[in-house]
Protein backbone atom coordinates (compact mmCIF):
# COMPACT_ATOMS: atom_id res chain seq x y z
CA MET A 1 101.50 119.13 94.09
CA THR A 2 104.47 121.00 92.82
CA ASN A 3 106.16 120.36 89.50
CA ILE A 4 109.05 118.76 91.44
CA LYS A 5 106.67 116.21 92.97
CA ASN A 6 105.15 115.47 89.55
CA LYS A 7 108.61 114.79 88.14
CA GLN A 8 109.45 112.65 91.15
CA LEU A 9 106.28 110.59 90.70
CA VAL A 10 107.07 110.02 87.00
CA ARG A 11 110.68 109.11 87.79
CA LEU A 12 109.62 106.56 90.43
CA PHE A 13 106.92 105.14 88.14
CA ARG A 14 109.38 104.66 85.25
CA ARG A 15 111.98 103.13 87.55
CA VAL A 16 109.64 100.40 88.79
CA GLN A 17 107.84 99.94 85.46
CA ASN A 18 111.16 99.15 83.76
CA ILE A 19 111.66 96.12 86.01
CA PRO A 20 110.72 93.05 83.89
CA TYR A 21 107.39 91.46 84.75
CA PHE A 22 107.67 88.06 86.43
CA LEU A 23 105.04 86.19 88.43
CA PHE A 24 106.44 84.74 91.67
CA ARG A 25 104.64 82.48 94.10
CA HIS A 26 105.79 84.79 96.91
CA ARG A 27 105.38 88.55 97.29
CA ASP A 28 108.37 90.55 98.51
CA SER A 29 108.68 94.12 97.24
CA LYS A 30 112.04 94.46 99.01
CA LYS A 31 113.60 91.98 96.54
CA LEU A 32 112.20 93.69 93.43
CA PHE A 33 115.42 95.42 92.41
CA SER A 34 117.88 92.78 93.58
CA LEU A 35 116.05 90.12 91.54
CA ASN A 36 115.32 92.62 88.73
CA LYS A 37 111.85 91.15 88.20
CA GLY A 38 108.45 91.26 89.84
CA CYS A 39 104.70 91.26 89.33
CA CYS A 40 101.92 93.73 90.01
CA ALA A 41 102.02 93.28 93.78
CA GLU A 42 105.75 93.88 94.23
CA LYS A 43 105.72 96.82 91.84
CA ALA A 44 102.61 98.51 93.29
CA ILE A 45 103.73 98.08 96.90
CA TRP A 46 107.24 99.40 96.17
CA LEU A 47 105.86 102.42 94.29
CA GLY A 48 103.20 103.09 96.91
CA ASN A 49 105.79 103.06 99.69
CA LYS A 50 108.05 105.47 97.77
CA LEU A 51 105.14 107.83 97.06
CA LYS A 52 104.13 107.81 100.73
CA GLU A 53 107.73 108.73 101.63
CA THR A 54 107.29 111.89 99.51
CA ASN A 55 103.95 112.66 101.21
CA ILE A 56 101.83 111.58 98.25
CA PRO A 57 98.75 109.74 99.58
CA VAL A 58 98.05 106.32 98.03
CA LYS A 59 95.29 103.72 98.09
CA TYR A 60 95.71 100.10 96.96
CA TYR A 61 93.12 98.22 94.92
CA ARG A 62 92.80 94.47 94.45
CA ILE A 63 91.13 93.91 91.09
CA GLU A 64 89.74 90.65 89.72
CA PHE A 65 90.75 89.79 86.14
CA LYS A 66 91.06 86.87 83.71
CA TRP A 67 94.36 85.83 82.16
CA GLU A 68 92.40 84.95 79.01
CA ASP A 69 91.77 88.67 78.47
CA LEU A 70 95.49 89.27 77.95
CA PRO A 71 97.52 88.49 74.79
CA ILE A 72 98.80 85.16 76.12
CA PRO A 73 98.75 82.02 73.92
CA LYS A 74 95.88 79.66 74.78
CA GLU A 75 98.36 76.78 75.30
CA ILE A 76 99.96 78.70 78.15
CA ILE A 77 96.62 79.78 79.63
CA LYS A 78 95.61 76.09 79.87
CA LEU A 79 98.59 75.42 82.17
CA GLY A 80 97.37 77.84 84.84
CA LYS A 81 94.65 77.75 87.45
CA LYS A 82 91.08 78.09 86.26
CA GLY A 83 88.92 81.03 87.28
CA PRO A 84 89.61 84.66 88.07
CA ALA A 85 92.96 85.96 89.28
CA HIS A 86 93.74 89.13 91.20
CA HIS A 87 95.72 92.20 90.29
CA LEU A 88 97.10 94.93 92.57
CA ALA A 89 97.11 98.55 91.41
CA LEU A 90 97.03 101.85 93.21
CA LYS A 91 95.71 105.36 93.13
CA ALA A 92 97.73 108.40 94.15
CA LYS A 93 96.41 111.81 95.10
CA VAL A 94 97.92 114.25 92.60
CA ASN A 95 96.82 117.90 92.58
CA ASN A 96 93.90 117.01 94.88
CA LYS A 97 92.70 114.35 92.43
CA TRP A 98 92.98 110.56 92.76
CA ILE A 99 94.59 109.01 89.66
CA TRP A 100 95.16 105.36 88.71
CA ILE A 101 98.79 104.28 88.59
CA ASP A 102 99.73 100.82 87.34
CA PRO A 103 103.42 100.05 86.63
CA THR A 104 102.81 96.31 86.13
CA TRP A 105 103.71 95.73 82.49
CA ASP A 106 107.28 96.64 81.55
CA PRO A 107 107.82 98.44 78.20
CA GLY A 108 109.22 95.27 76.58
CA LEU A 109 105.76 93.66 76.81
CA GLU A 110 104.13 96.36 74.66
CA LYS A 111 105.26 94.68 71.44
CA GLY A 112 103.43 91.54 72.62
CA GLY A 113 100.16 93.46 72.91
CA PHE A 114 100.11 94.01 76.68
CA PRO A 115 98.49 97.23 77.96
CA VAL A 116 101.65 99.11 78.93
CA LYS A 117 100.94 102.44 80.64
CA ASN A 118 103.09 105.46 79.87
C-alpha cells in the first residue's frame, strides 16, 4: 500500500471515529453522518465500504462482549438486557498484513475510560 493509501485510511478512520457513539435499535450506516451519531455497526460498515472503494480488502468480525466490562455505571448496566452483547469490528489488509480497525468509541469517551483507538 502506498503512503497515499495509508493517509487515506487514517483520514477515513478519523472521520468516522469522530462521530459520537450512540446505540440505535436499527442499523443504517447511510444515516451515520446525517444523524451525527452511530454505534459500532454503522461505523464499521461505513468505514469498510469506503476502504473497499479504495481497493483495500476488509473482513468484518462479530465479537461477543459484556457491557459490564466497560466503564459504565452499574445502575445503567442494570437497565439493559442480561447476557452477552455483540460488537462489530473489521480488519483491513494493509501492506499485505491484516490489521484490526475499530472506530467505535469517539475521542470524547476517552476521558470516561473507554478504550479509544488512535
